């Protein structure tokens, strides 16, 4: 859940008036007030406001973002494992190709004389 009322608190803490914040974030003062009141905005706008306040956009999310972080970490670990398996697959393909090249032309690798 998002909490955009934190925008006012952060702006006050940093000594930035809401009109100045809105201008720096590329939105109107009215739009800033409306998104705070409605507690809703586009992610691009939220990122722009966060950058202007020099904070991470995640600061506007409650504890459910912790669960989201855990999910993201799990998916990243899974993606890393998939990439590792793809690299291993490519390495094995190269080994197989090199093994096939070492067998004489017309000779089946399974039937090669090993005497």
PDB file of N, CA and C in Angstrom:
ATOM      1  N   UNK A   1       0.838  -1.178   0.000  1.00  0.00           N
ATOM      2  CA  UNK A   1       0.000   0.000   0.000  1.00  0.00           C
ATOM      3  C   UNK A   1       0.883   1.241   0.000  1.00  0.00           C
ATOM      4  N   UNK A   2       0.498   2.216  -0.799  1.00  0.00           N
ATOM      5  CA  UNK A   2       1.271   3.440  -0.936  1.00  0.00           C
ATOM      6  C   UNK A   2       0.759   4.493   0.058  1.00  0.00           C
ATOM      7  N   UNK A   3       1.671   5.321   0.566  1.00  0.00           N
ATOM      8  CA  UNK A   3       1.310   6.402   1.484  1.00  0.00           C
ATOM      9  C   UNK A   3       1.949   7.690   0.988  1.00  0.00           C
ATOM     10  N   UNK A   4       1.204   8.423   0.153  1.00  0.00           N
ATOM     11  CA  UNK A   4       1.748   9.633  -0.456  1.00  0.00           C
ATOM     12  C   UNK A   4       1.690  10.839   0.472  1.00  0.00           C
ATOM     13  N   UNK A   5       1.076  10.697   1.645  1.00  0.00           N
ATOM     14  CA  UNK A   5       1.107  11.794   2.616  1.00  0.00           C
ATOM     15  C   UNK A   5       2.536  12.025   3.109  1.00  0.00           C
ATOM     16  N   UNK A   6       3.380  11.034   2.935  1.00  0.00           N
ATOM     17  CA  UNK A   6       4.789  11.176   3.325  1.00  0.00           C
ATOM     18  C   UNK A   6       5.494  12.247   2.503  1.00  0.00           C
ATOM     19  N   UNK A   7       4.943  12.567   1.341  1.00  0.00           N
ATOM     20  CA  UNK A   7       5.545  13.602   0.494  1.00  0.00           C
ATOM     21  C   UNK A   7       5.587  14.921   1.253  1.00  0.00           C
ATOM     22  N   UNK A   8       4.473  15.279   1.887  1.00  0.00           N
ATOM     23  CA  UNK A   8       4.414  16.531   2.645  1.00  0.00           C
ATOM     24  C   UNK A   8       5.413  16.525   3.794  1.00  0.00           C
ATOM     25  N   UNK A   9       5.479  15.419   4.511  1.00  0.00           N
ATOM     26  CA  UNK A   9       6.384  15.304   5.652  1.00  0.00           C
ATOM     27  C   UNK A   9       7.833  15.440   5.193  1.00  0.00           C
ATOM     28  N   UNK A  10       8.193  14.716   4.141  1.00  0.00           N
ATOM     29  CA  UNK A  10       9.569  14.760   3.645  1.00  0.00           C
ATOM     30  C   UNK A  10       9.933  16.143   3.114  1.00  0.00           C
ATOM     31  N   UNK A  11       9.001  16.763   2.410  1.00  0.00           N
ATOM     32  CA  UNK A  11       9.257  18.108   1.885  1.00  0.00           C
ATOM     33  C   UNK A  11       9.495  19.081   3.040  1.00  0.00           C
ATOM     34  N   UNK A  12       8.669  18.991   4.066  1.00  0.00           N
ATOM     35  CA  UNK A  12       8.826  19.864   5.235  1.00  0.00           C
ATOM     36  C   UNK A  12      10.177  19.622   5.899  1.00  0.00           C
ATOM     37  N   UNK A  13      10.544  18.334   6.089  1.00  0.00           N
ATOM     38  CA  UNK A  13      11.827  17.996   6.718  1.00  0.00           C
ATOM     39  C   UNK A  13      13.008  18.547   5.928  1.00  0.00           C
ATOM     40  N   UNK A  14      12.878  18.582   4.616  1.00  0.00           N
ATOM     41  CA  UNK A  14      13.972  19.037   3.754  1.00  0.00           C
ATOM     42  C   UNK A  14      13.882  20.529   3.440  1.00  0.00           C
ATOM     43  N   UNK A  15      12.863  21.180   4.004  1.00  0.00           N
ATOM     44  CA  UNK A  15      12.712  22.614   3.800  1.00  0.00           C
ATOM     45  C   UNK A  15      12.320  22.996   2.383  1.00  0.00           C
ATOM     46  N   UNK A  16      11.586  22.118   1.716  1.00  0.00           N
ATOM     47  CA  UNK A  16      11.153  22.378   0.341  1.00  0.00           C
ATOM     48  C   UNK A  16       9.651  22.646   0.351  1.00  0.00           C
ATOM     49  N   UNK A  17       9.249  23.788  -0.172  1.00  0.00           N
ATOM     50  CA  UNK A  17       7.824  24.093  -0.276  1.00  0.00           C
ATOM     51  C   UNK A  17       7.204  23.201  -1.347  1.00  0.00           C
ATOM     52  N   UNK A  18       5.934  22.863  -1.168  1.00  0.00           N
ATOM     53  CA  UNK A  18       5.264  21.957  -2.106  1.00  0.00           C
ATOM     54  C   UNK A  18       5.231  22.518  -3.524  1.00  0.00           C
ATOM     55  N   UNK A  19       5.078  23.815  -3.667  1.00  0.00           N
ATOM     56  CA  UNK A  19       5.087  24.424  -5.002  1.00  0.00           C
ATOM     57  C   UNK A  19       6.426  24.235  -5.694  1.00  0.00           C
ATOM     58  N   UNK A  20       7.505  24.392  -4.939  1.00  0.00           N
ATOM     59  CA  UNK A  20       8.856  24.198  -5.478  1.00  0.00           C
ATOM     60  C   UNK A  20       9.071  22.726  -5.813  1.00  0.00           C
ATOM     61  N   UNK A  21       8.629  21.847  -4.927  1.00  0.00           N
ATOM     62  CA  UNK A  21       8.744  20.408  -5.165  1.00  0.00           C
ATOM     63  C   UNK A  21       8.022  20.021  -6.448  1.00  0.00           C
ATOM     64  N   UNK A  22       6.803  20.518  -6.601  1.00  0.00           N
ATOM     65  CA  UNK A  22       6.017  20.202  -7.798  1.00  0.00           C
ATOM     66  C   UNK A  22       6.745  20.663  -9.051  1.00  0.00           C
ATOM     67  N   UNK A  23       7.244  21.893  -9.024  1.00  0.00           N
ATOM     68  CA  UNK A  23       7.946  22.437 -10.191  1.00  0.00           C
ATOM     69  C   UNK A  23       9.171  21.594 -10.535  1.00  0.00           C
ATOM     70  N   UNK A  24       9.968  21.253  -9.535  1.00  0.00           N
ATOM     71  CA  UNK A  24      11.180  20.445  -9.767  1.00  0.00           C
ATOM     72  C   UNK A  24      10.839  19.039 -10.257  1.00  0.00           C
ATOM     73  N   UNK A  25       9.687  18.527  -9.817  1.00  0.00           N
ATOM     74  CA  UNK A  25       9.263  17.181 -10.219  1.00  0.00           C
ATOM     75  C   UNK A  25       8.564  17.187 -11.574  1.00  0.00           C
ATOM     76  N   UNK A  26       8.310  18.383 -12.107  1.00  0.00           N
ATOM     77  CA  UNK A  26       7.706  18.478 -13.434  1.00  0.00           C
ATOM     78  C   UNK A  26       6.195  18.342 -13.461  1.00  0.00           C
ATOM     79  N   UNK A  27       5.554  18.665 -12.338  1.00  0.00           N
ATOM     80  CA  UNK A  27       4.090  18.628 -12.280  1.00  0.00           C
ATOM     81  C   UNK A  27       3.590  19.942 -11.690  1.00  0.00           C
ATOM     82  N   UNK A  28       2.300  20.177 -11.804  1.00  0.00           N
ATOM     83  CA  UNK A  28       1.738  21.404 -11.240  1.00  0.00           C
ATOM     84  C   UNK A  28       1.517  21.234  -9.737  1.00  0.00           C
ATOM     85  N   UNK A  29       1.428  22.371  -9.066  1.00  0.00           N
ATOM     86  CA  UNK A  29       1.137  22.369  -7.634  1.00  0.00           C
ATOM     87  C   UNK A  29      -0.208  21.690  -7.375  1.00  0.00           C
ATOM     88  N   UNK A  30      -1.191  21.962  -8.249  1.00  0.00           N
ATOM     89  CA  UNK A  30      -2.519  21.361  -8.101  1.00  0.00           C
ATOM     90  C   UNK A  30      -2.450  19.838  -8.262  1.00  0.00           C
ATOM     91  N   UNK A  31      -1.655  19.385  -9.220  1.00  0.00           N
ATOM     92  CA  UNK A  31      -1.511  17.934  -9.431  1.00  0.00           C
ATOM     93  C   UNK A  31      -0.866  17.277  -8.216  1.00  0.00           C
ATOM     94  N   UNK A  32       0.127  17.944  -7.632  1.00  0.00           N
ATOM     95  CA  UNK A  32       0.785  17.404  -6.440  1.00  0.00           C
ATOM     96  C   UNK A  32      -0.210  17.295  -5.292  1.00  0.00           C
ATOM     97  N   UNK A  33      -0.976  18.354  -5.058  1.00  0.00           N
ATOM     98  CA  UNK A  33      -1.984  18.307  -3.990  1.00  0.00           C
ATOM     99  C   UNK A  33      -3.010  17.214  -4.240  1.00  0.00           C
ATOM    100  N   UNK A  34      -3.427  17.066  -5.487  1.00  0.00           N
ATOM    101  CA  UNK A  34      -4.430  16.053  -5.830  1.00  0.00           C
ATOM    102  C   UNK A  34      -3.893  14.642  -5.590  1.00  0.00           C
ATOM    103  N   UNK A  35      -2.654  14.368  -6.000  1.00  0.00           N
ATOM    104  CA  UNK A  35      -2.125  13.009  -5.813  1.00  0.00           C
ATOM    105  C   UNK A  35      -1.913  12.695  -4.341  1.00  0.00           C
ATOM    106  N   UNK A  36      -1.560  13.717  -3.547  1.00  0.00           N
ATOM    107  CA  UNK A  36      -1.431  13.491  -2.103  1.00  0.00           C
ATOM    108  C   UNK A  36      -2.811  13.200  -1.507  1.00  0.00           C
ATOM    109  N   UNK A  37      -3.812  14.007  -1.879  1.00  0.00           N
ATOM    110  CA  UNK A  37      -5.184  13.816  -1.379  1.00  0.00           C
ATOM    111  C   UNK A  37      -5.749  12.461  -1.780  1.00  0.00           C
ATOM    112  N   UNK A  38      -5.570  12.098  -3.058  1.00  0.00           N
ATOM    113  CA  UNK A  38      -6.138  10.846  -3.577  1.00  0.00           C
ATOM    114  C   UNK A  38      -5.261   9.632  -3.285  1.00  0.00           C
ATOM    115  N   UNK A  39      -4.040   9.889  -2.815  1.00  0.00           N
ATOM    116  CA  UNK A  39      -3.086   8.819  -2.506  1.00  0.00           C
ATOM    117  C   UNK A  39      -2.871   7.899  -3.710  1.00  0.00           C
ATOM    118  N   UNK A  40      -2.750   8.531  -4.886  1.00  0.00           N
ATOM    119  CA  UNK A  40      -2.594   7.755  -6.115  1.00  0.00           C
ATOM    120  C   UNK A  40      -1.858   8.582  -7.162  1.00  0.00           C
ATOM    121  N   UNK A  41      -0.945   7.941  -7.877  1.00  0.00           N
ATOM    122  CA  UNK A  41      -0.229   8.605  -8.963  1.00  0.00           C
ATOM    123  C   UNK A  41       0.427   7.567  -9.851  1.00  0.00           C
ATOM    124  N   UNK A  42       0.941   8.016 -10.978  1.00  0.00           N
ATOM    125  CA  UNK A  42       1.712   7.138 -11.860  1.00  0.00           C
ATOM    126  C   UNK A  42       3.076   6.897 -11.232  1.00  0.00           C
ATOM    127  N   UNK A  43       3.649   5.753 -11.511  1.00  0.00           N
ATOM    128  CA  UNK A  43       4.955   5.423 -10.949  1.00  0.00           C
ATOM    129  C   UNK A  43       6.022   6.414 -11.419  1.00  0.00           C
ATOM    130  N   UNK A  44       5.909   6.882 -12.663  1.00  0.00           N
ATOM    131  CA  UNK A  44       6.891   7.836 -13.182  1.00  0.00           C
ATOM    132  C   UNK A  44       6.875   9.124 -12.368  1.00  0.00           C
ATOM    133  N   UNK A  45       5.677   9.574 -12.004  1.00  0.00           N
ATOM    134  CA  UNK A  45       5.547  10.788 -11.199  1.00  0.00           C
ATOM    135  C   UNK A  45       6.115  10.561  -9.808  1.00  0.00           C
ATOM    136  N   UNK A  46       5.828   9.403  -9.233  1.00  0.00           N
ATOM    137  CA  UNK A  46       6.341   9.080  -7.903  1.00  0.00           C
ATOM    138  C   UNK A  46       7.867   9.039  -7.910  1.00  0.00           C
ATOM    139  N   UNK A  47       8.442   8.463  -8.945  1.00  0.00           N
ATOM    140  CA  UNK A  47       9.903   8.401  -9.060  1.00  0.00           C
ATOM    141  C   UNK A  47      10.476   9.806  -9.169  1.00  0.00           C
ATOM    142  N   UNK A  48       9.850  10.653  -9.952  1.00  0.00           N
ATOM    143  CA  UNK A  48      10.308  12.032 -10.114  1.00  0.00           C
ATOM    144  C   UNK A  48      10.262  12.793  -8.788  1.00  0.00           C
ATOM    145  N   UNK A  49       9.189  12.605  -8.038  1.00  0.00           N
ATOM    146  CA  UNK A  49       9.066  13.251  -6.727  1.00  0.00           C
ATOM    147  C   UNK A  49      10.136  12.718  -5.780  1.00  0.00           C
ATOM    148  N   UNK A  50      10.325  11.407  -5.777  1.00  0.00           N
ATOM    149  CA  UNK A  50      11.337  10.798  -4.908  1.00  0.00           C
ATOM    150  C   UNK A  50      12.732  11.323  -5.246  1.00  0.00           C
ATOM    151  N   UNK A  51      13.045  11.421  -6.532  1.00  0.00           N
ATOM    152  CA  UNK A  51      14.351  11.947  -6.940  1.00  0.00           C
ATOM    153  C   UNK A  51      14.515  13.390  -6.484  1.00  0.00           C
ATOM    154  N   UNK A  52      13.458  14.175  -6.606  1.00  0.00           N
ATOM    155  CA  UNK A  52      13.506  15.574  -6.179  1.00  0.00           C
ATOM    156  C   UNK A  52      13.742  15.674  -4.676  1.00  0.00           C
ATOM    157  N   UNK A  53      13.145  14.766  -3.920  1.00  0.00           N
ATOM    158  CA  UNK A  53      13.322  14.749  -2.464  1.00  0.00           C
ATOM    159  C   UNK A  53      14.586  14.006  -2.039  1.00  0.00           C
ATOM    160  N   UNK A  54      15.285  13.416  -3.015  1.00  0.00           N
ATOM    161  CA  UNK A  54      16.503  12.646  -2.763  1.00  0.00           C
ATOM    162  C   UNK A  54      16.241  11.466  -1.818  1.00  0.00           C
ATOM    163  N   UNK A  55      15.163  10.725  -2.126  1.00  0.00           N
ATOM    164  CA  UNK A  55      14.820   9.517  -1.374  1.00  0.00           C
ATOM    165  C   UNK A  55      14.476   8.406  -2.362  1.00  0.00           C
ATOM    166  N   UNK A  56      14.458   7.181  -1.875  1.00  0.00           N
ATOM    167  CA  UNK A  56      14.044   6.047  -2.697  1.00  0.00           C
ATOM    168  C   UNK A  56      12.520   6.035  -2.807  1.00  0.00           C
ATOM    169  N   UNK A  57      11.978   5.707  -3.984  1.00  0.00           N
ATOM    170  CA  UNK A  57      10.517   5.611  -4.110  1.00  0.00           C
ATOM    171  C   UNK A  57       9.903   4.603  -3.135  1.00  0.00           C
ATOM    172  N   UNK A  58      10.689   3.636  -2.693  1.00  0.00           N
ATOM    173  CA  UNK A  58      10.165   2.610  -1.783  1.00  0.00           C
ATOM    174  C   UNK A  58       9.736   3.193  -0.442  1.00  0.00           C
ATOM    175  N   UNK A  59      10.207   4.405  -0.121  1.00  0.00           N
ATOM    176  CA  UNK A  59       9.842   5.027   1.156  1.00  0.00           C
ATOM    177  C   UNK A  59       8.341   5.295   1.252  1.00  0.00           C
ATOM    178  N   UNK A  60       7.678   5.377   0.102  1.00  0.00           N
ATOM    179  CA  UNK A  60       6.250   5.674   0.092  1.00  0.00           C
ATOM    180  C   UNK A  60       5.381   4.425   0.249  1.00  0.00           C
ATOM    181  N   UNK A  61       6.012   3.259   0.339  1.00  0.00           N
ATOM    182  CA  UNK A  61       5.268   2.011   0.467  1.00  0.00           C
ATOM    183  C   UNK A  61       5.387   1.477   1.882  1.00  0.00           C
ATOM    184  N   UNK A  62       4.326   0.811   2.352  1.00  0.00           N
ATOM    185  CA  UNK A  62       4.340   0.275   3.707  1.00  0.00           C
ATOM    186  C   UNK A  62       5.029  -1.088   3.755  1.00  0.00           C
ATOM    187  N   UNK A  63       4.796  -1.847   4.795  1.00  0.00           N
ATOM    188  CA  UNK A  63       5.499  -3.112   5.023  1.00  0.00           C
ATOM    189  C   UNK A  63       5.265  -4.166   3.960  1.00  0.00           C
ATOM    190  N   UNK A  64       4.212  -4.036   3.170  1.00  0.00           N
ATOM    191  CA  UNK A  64       4.014  -5.024   2.118  1.00  0.00           C
ATOM    192  C   UNK A  64       5.164  -4.967   1.124  1.00  0.00           C
ATOM    193  N   UNK A  65       5.883  -3.830   1.098  1.00  0.00           N
ATOM    194  CA  UNK A  65       7.031  -3.753   0.200  1.00  0.00           C
ATOM    195  C   UNK A  65       8.136  -4.703   0.653  1.00  0.00           C
ATOM    196  N   UNK A  66       8.153  -5.064   1.949  1.00  0.00           N
ATOM    197  CA  UNK A  66       9.104  -6.053   2.433  1.00  0.00           C
ATOM    198  C   UNK A  66       8.817  -7.398   1.782  1.00  0.00           C
ATOM    199  N   UNK A  67       7.539  -7.752   1.704  1.00  0.00           N
ATOM    200  CA  UNK A  67       7.159  -8.991   1.028  1.00  0.00           C
ATOM    201  C   UNK A  67       7.526  -8.912  -0.449  1.00  0.00           C
ATOM    202  N   UNK A  68       7.291  -7.763  -1.042  1.00  0.00           N
ATOM    203  CA  UNK A  68       7.644  -7.560  -2.444  1.00  0.00           C
ATOM    204  C   UNK A  68       9.143  -7.721  -2.638  1.00  0.00           C
ATOM    205  N   UNK A  69       9.931  -7.171  -1.726  1.00  0.00           N
ATOM    206  CA  UNK A  69      11.388  -7.305  -1.809  1.00  0.00           C
ATOM    207  C   UNK A  69      11.807  -8.766  -1.739  1.00  0.00           C
ATOM    208  N   UNK A  70      11.156  -9.523  -0.870  1.00  0.00           N
ATOM    209  CA  UNK A  70      11.471 -10.943  -0.756  1.00  0.00           C
ATOM    210  C   UNK A  70      11.149 -11.669  -2.054  1.00  0.00           C
ATOM    211  N   UNK A  71      10.028 -11.334  -2.661  1.00  0.00           N
ATOM    212  CA  UNK A  71       9.650 -11.956  -3.931  1.00  0.00           C
ATOM    213  C   UNK A  71      10.649 -11.585  -5.014  1.00  0.00           C
ATOM    214  N   UNK A  72      11.025 -10.318  -5.068  1.00  0.00           N
ATOM    215  CA  UNK A  72      11.998  -9.866  -6.067  1.00  0.00           C
ATOM    216  C   UNK A  72      13.328 -10.574  -5.876  1.00  0.00           C
ATOM    217  N   UNK A  73      13.782 -10.708  -4.632  1.00  0.00           N
ATOM    218  CA  UNK A  73      15.039 -11.413  -4.365  1.00  0.00           C
ATOM    219  C   UNK A  73      14.956 -12.869  -4.799  1.00  0.00           C
ATOM    220  N   UNK A  74      13.832 -13.526  -4.508  1.00  0.00           N
ATOM    221  CA  UNK A  74      13.648 -14.916  -4.923  1.00  0.00           C
ATOM    222  C   UNK A  74      13.722 -15.036  -6.441  1.00  0.00           C
ATOM    223  N   UNK A  75      13.012 -14.142  -7.141  1.00  0.00           N
ATOM    224  CA  UNK A  75      13.007 -14.192  -8.604  1.00  0.00           C
ATOM    225  C   UNK A  75      14.386 -13.896  -9.174  1.00  0.00           C
ATOM    226  N   UNK A  76      15.115 -12.985  -8.549  1.00  0.00           N
ATOM    227  CA  UNK A  76      16.470 -12.681  -9.013  1.00  0.00           C
ATOM    228  C   UNK A  76      17.379 -13.900  -8.835  1.00  0.00           C
ATOM    229  N   UNK A  77      17.281 -14.559  -7.689  1.00  0.00           N
ATOM    230  CA  UNK A  77      18.077 -15.768  -7.460  1.00  0.00           C
ATOM    231  C   UNK A  77      17.726 -16.839  -8.490  1.00  0.00           C
ATOM    232  N   UNK A  78      16.440 -16.979  -8.780  1.00  0.00           N
ATOM    233  CA  UNK A  78      16.008 -17.961  -9.772  1.00  0.00           C
ATOM    234  C   UNK A  78      16.545 -17.605 -11.151  1.00  0.00           C
ATOM    235  N   UNK A  79      16.488 -16.327 -11.512  1.00  0.00           N
ATOM    236  CA  UNK A  79      17.026 -15.877 -12.798  1.00  0.00           C
ATOM    237  C   UNK A  79      18.528 -16.125 -12.883  1.00  0.00           C
ATOM    238  N   UNK A  80      19.235 -15.869 -11.778  1.00  0.00           N
ATOM    239  CA  UNK A  80      20.678 -16.125 -11.751  1.00  0.00           C
ATOM    240  C   UNK A  80      20.964 -17.607 -11.978  1.00  0.00           C
ATOM    241  N   UNK A  81      20.172 -18.476 -11.360  1.00  0.00           N
ATOM    242  CA  UNK A  81      20.344 -19.921 -11.526  1.00  0.00           C
ATOM    243  C   UNK A  81      20.070 -20.321 -12.973  1.00  0.00           C
ATOM    244  N   UNK A  82      19.028 -19.743 -13.571  1.00  0.00           N
ATOM    245  CA  UNK A  82      18.713 -20.039 -14.975  1.00  0.00           C
ATOM    246  C   UNK A  82      19.868 -19.613 -15.873  1.00  0.00           C
ATOM    247  N   UNK A  83      20.413 -18.417 -15.629  1.00  0.00           N
ATOM    248  CA  UNK A  83      21.551 -17.949 -16.425  1.00  0.00           C
ATOM    249  C   UNK A  83      22.756 -18.872 -16.259  1.00  0.00           C
ATOM    250  N   UNK A  84      22.973 -19.345 -15.042  1.00  0.00           N
ATOM    251  CA  UNK A  84      24.069 -20.281 -14.779  1.00  0.00           C
ATOM    252  C   UNK A  84      23.857 -21.581 -15.563  1.00  0.00           C
ATOM    253  N   UNK A  85      22.633 -22.077 -15.583  1.00  0.00           N
ATOM    254  CA  UNK A  85      22.330 -23.306 -16.321  1.00  0.00           C
ATOM    255  C   UNK A  85      22.486 -23.105 -17.828  1.00  0.00           C
ATOM    256  N   UNK A  86      22.121 -21.938 -18.318  1.00  0.00           N
ATOM    257  CA  UNK A  86      22.295 -21.646 -19.746  1.00  0.00           C
ATOM    258  C   UNK A  86      23.779 -21.636 -20.101  1.00  0.00           C
ATOM    259  N   UNK A  87      24.604 -21.004 -19.256  1.00  0.00           N
ATOM    260  CA  UNK A  87      26.061 -20.996 -19.509  1.00  0.00           C
ATOM    261  C   UNK A  87      26.628 -22.415 -19.490  1.00  0.00           C
ATOM    262  N   UNK A  88      26.181 -23.232 -18.540  1.00  0.00           N
ATOM    263  CA  UNK A  88      26.634 -24.622 -18.457  1.00  0.00           C
ATOM    264  C   UNK A  88      26.208 -25.392 -19.699  1.00  0.00           C
ATOM    265  N   UNK A  89      24.988 -25.149 -20.164  1.00  0.00           N
ATOM    266  CA  UNK A  89      24.488 -25.791 -21.373  1.00  0.00           C
ATOM    267  C   UNK A  89      25.365 -25.423 -22.570  1.00  0.00           C
ATOM    268  N   UNK A  90      25.703 -24.149 -22.702  1.00  0.00           N
ATOM    269  CA  UNK A  90      26.564 -23.703 -23.805  1.00  0.00           C
ATOM    270  C   UNK A  90      27.942 -24.352 -23.712  1.00  0.00           C
ATOM    271  N   UNK A  91      28.479 -24.440 -22.496  1.00  0.00           N
ATOM    272  CA  UNK A  91      29.791 -25.069 -22.301  1.00  0.00           C
ATOM    273  C   UNK A  91      29.750 -26.537 -22.722  1.00  0.00           C
ATOM    274  N   UNK A  92      28.680 -27.232 -22.359  1.00  0.00           N
ATOM    275  CA  UNK A  92      28.546 -28.643 -22.726  1.00  0.00           C
ATOM    276  C   UNK A  92      28.378 -28.819 -24.234  1.00  0.00           C
ATOM    277  N   UNK A  93      27.665 -27.903 -24.887  1.00  0.00           N
ATOM    278  CA  UNK A  93      27.523 -27.959 -26.342  1.00  0.00           C
ATOM    279  C   UNK A  93      28.887 -27.869 -27.015  1.00  0.00           C
ATOM    280  N   UNK A  94      29.724 -26.959 -26.526  1.00  0.00           N
ATOM    281  CA  UNK A  94      31.071 -26.793 -27.091  1.00  0.00           C
ATOM    282  C   UNK A  94      31.870 -28.074 -26.897  1.00  0.00           C
ATOM    283  N   UNK A  95      31.790 -28.673 -25.711  1.00  0.00           N
ATOM    284  CA  UNK A  95      32.512 -29.923 -25.458  1.00  0.00           C
ATOM    285  C   UNK A  95      32.037 -31.028 -26.391  1.00  0.00           C
ATOM    286  N   UNK A  96      30.740 -31.120 -26.615  1.00  0.00           N
ATOM    287  CA  UNK A  96      30.196 -32.147 -27.512  1.00  0.00           C
ATOM    288  C   UNK A  96      30.692 -31.915 -28.928  1.00  0.00           C
ATOM    289  N   UNK A  97      30.644 -30.658 -29.384  1.00  0.00           N
ATOM    290  CA  UNK A  97      31.119 -30.345 -30.737  1.00  0.00           C
ATOM    291  C   UNK A  97      32.593 -30.679 -30.894  1.00  0.00           C
ATOM    292  N   UNK A  98      33.392 -30.374 -29.872  1.00  0.00           N
ATOM    293  CA  UNK A  98      34.816 -30.691 -29.934  1.00  0.00           C
ATOM    294  C   UNK A  98      35.037 -32.197 -29.941  1.00  0.00           C
ATOM    295  N   UNK A  99      34.225 -32.926 -29.192  1.00  0.00           N
ATOM    296  CA  UNK A  99      34.330 -34.381 -29.168  1.00  0.00           C
ATOM    297  C   UNK A  99      33.970 -34.992 -30.507  1.00  0.00           C
ATOM    298  N   UNK A 100      32.957 -34.442 -31.170  1.00  0.00           N
ATOM    299  CA  UNK A 100      32.558 -34.945 -32.486  1.00  0.00           C
ATOM    300  C   UNK A 100      33.639 -34.669 -33.517  1.00  0.00           C
ATOM    301  N   UNK A 101      34.339 -33.565 -33.392  1.00  0.00           N
ATOM    302  CA  UNK A 101      35.398 -33.224 -34.340  1.00  0.00           C
ATOM    303  C   UNK A 101      36.612 -34.136 -34.170  1.00  0.00           C
ATOM    304  N   UNK A 102      36.797 -34.669 -32.957  1.00  0.00           N
ATOM    305  CA  UNK A 102      37.963 -35.516 -32.728  1.00  0.00           C
ATOM    306  C   UNK A 102      37.770 -36.930 -33.267  1.00  0.00           C
ATOM    307  N   UNK A 103      36.531 -37.296 -33.589  1.00  0.00           N
ATOM    308  CA  UNK A 103      36.251 -38.601 -34.182  1.00  0.00           C
ATOM    309  C   UNK A 103      36.493 -38.482 -35.683  1.00  0.00           C
ATOM    310  N   UNK A 104      37.150 -39.493 -36.278  1.00  0.00           N
ATOM    311  CA  UNK A 104      37.477 -39.462 -37.709  1.00  0.00           C
ATOM    312  C   UNK A 104      36.204 -39.353 -38.534  1.00  0.00           C
ATOM    313  N   UNK A 105      36.270 -38.667 -39.671  1.00  0.00           N
ATOM    314  CA  UNK A 105      35.099 -38.552 -40.542  1.00  0.00           C
ATOM    315  C   UNK A 105      34.584 -39.935 -40.923  1.00  0.00           C
ATOM    316  N   UNK A 106      33.274 -40.087 -40.901  1.00  0.00           N
ATOM    317  CA  UNK A 106      32.655 -41.356 -41.252  1.00  0.00           C
ATOM    318  C   UNK A 106      32.661 -42.350 -40.109  1.00  0.00           C
ATOM    319  N   UNK A 107      33.300 -42.044 -39.023  1.00  0.00           N
ATOM    320  CA  UNK A 107      33.386 -42.955 -37.885  1.00  0.00           C
ATOM    321  C   UNK A 107      32.380 -42.508 -36.829  1.00  0.00           C
ATOM    322  N   UNK A 108      31.591 -43.435 -36.351  1.00  0.00           N
ATOM    323  CA  UNK A 108      30.606 -43.136 -35.320  1.00  0.00           C
ATOM    324  C   UNK A 108      31.322 -43.107 -33.978  1.00  0.00           C
ATOM    325  N   UNK A 109      31.112 -42.050 -33.197  1.00  0.00           N
ATOM    326  CA  UNK A 109      31.801 -41.901 -31.917  1.00  0.00           C
ATOM    327  C   UNK A 109      31.500 -43.067 -30.988  1.00  0.00           C
ATOM    328  N   UNK A 110      30.297 -43.608 -31.054  1.00  0.00           N
ATOM    329  CA  UNK A 110      29.924 -44.712 -30.173  1.00  0.00           C
ATOM    330  C   UNK A 110      30.603 -46.005 -30.593  1.00  0.00           C
ATOM    331  N   UNK A 111      30.977 -46.105 -31.883  1.00  0.00           N
ATOM    332  CA  UNK A 111      31.556 -47.342 -32.390  1.00  0.00           C
ATOM    333  C   UNK A 111      33.060 -47.225 -32.615  1.00  0.00           C
ATOM    334  N   UNK A 112      33.657 -46.139 -32.243  1.00  0.00           N
ATOM    335  CA  UNK A 112      35.092 -45.956 -32.489  1.00  0.00           C
ATOM    336  C   UNK A 112      35.874 -47.034 -31.764  1.00  0.00           C
ATOM    337  N   UNK A 113      36.906 -47.562 -32.437  1.00  0.00           N
ATOM    338  CA  UNK A 113      37.752 -48.607 -31.863  1.00  0.00           C
ATOM    339  C   UNK A 113      38.643 -47.986 -30.801  1.00  0.00           C
ATOM    340  N   UNK A 114      38.560 -48.503 -29.598  1.00  0.00           N
ATOM    341  CA  UNK A 114      39.328 -47.962 -28.490  1.00  0.00           C
ATOM    342  C   UNK A 114      40.445 -48.917 -28.098  1.00  0.00           C
ATOM    343  N   UNK A 115      40.879 -49.791 -28.971  1.00  0.00           N
ATOM    344  CA  UNK A 115      41.888 -50.779 -28.605  1.00  0.00           C
ATOM    345  C   UNK A 115      43.245 -50.247 -28.466  1.00  0.00           C
TER     346      UNK A 115
END
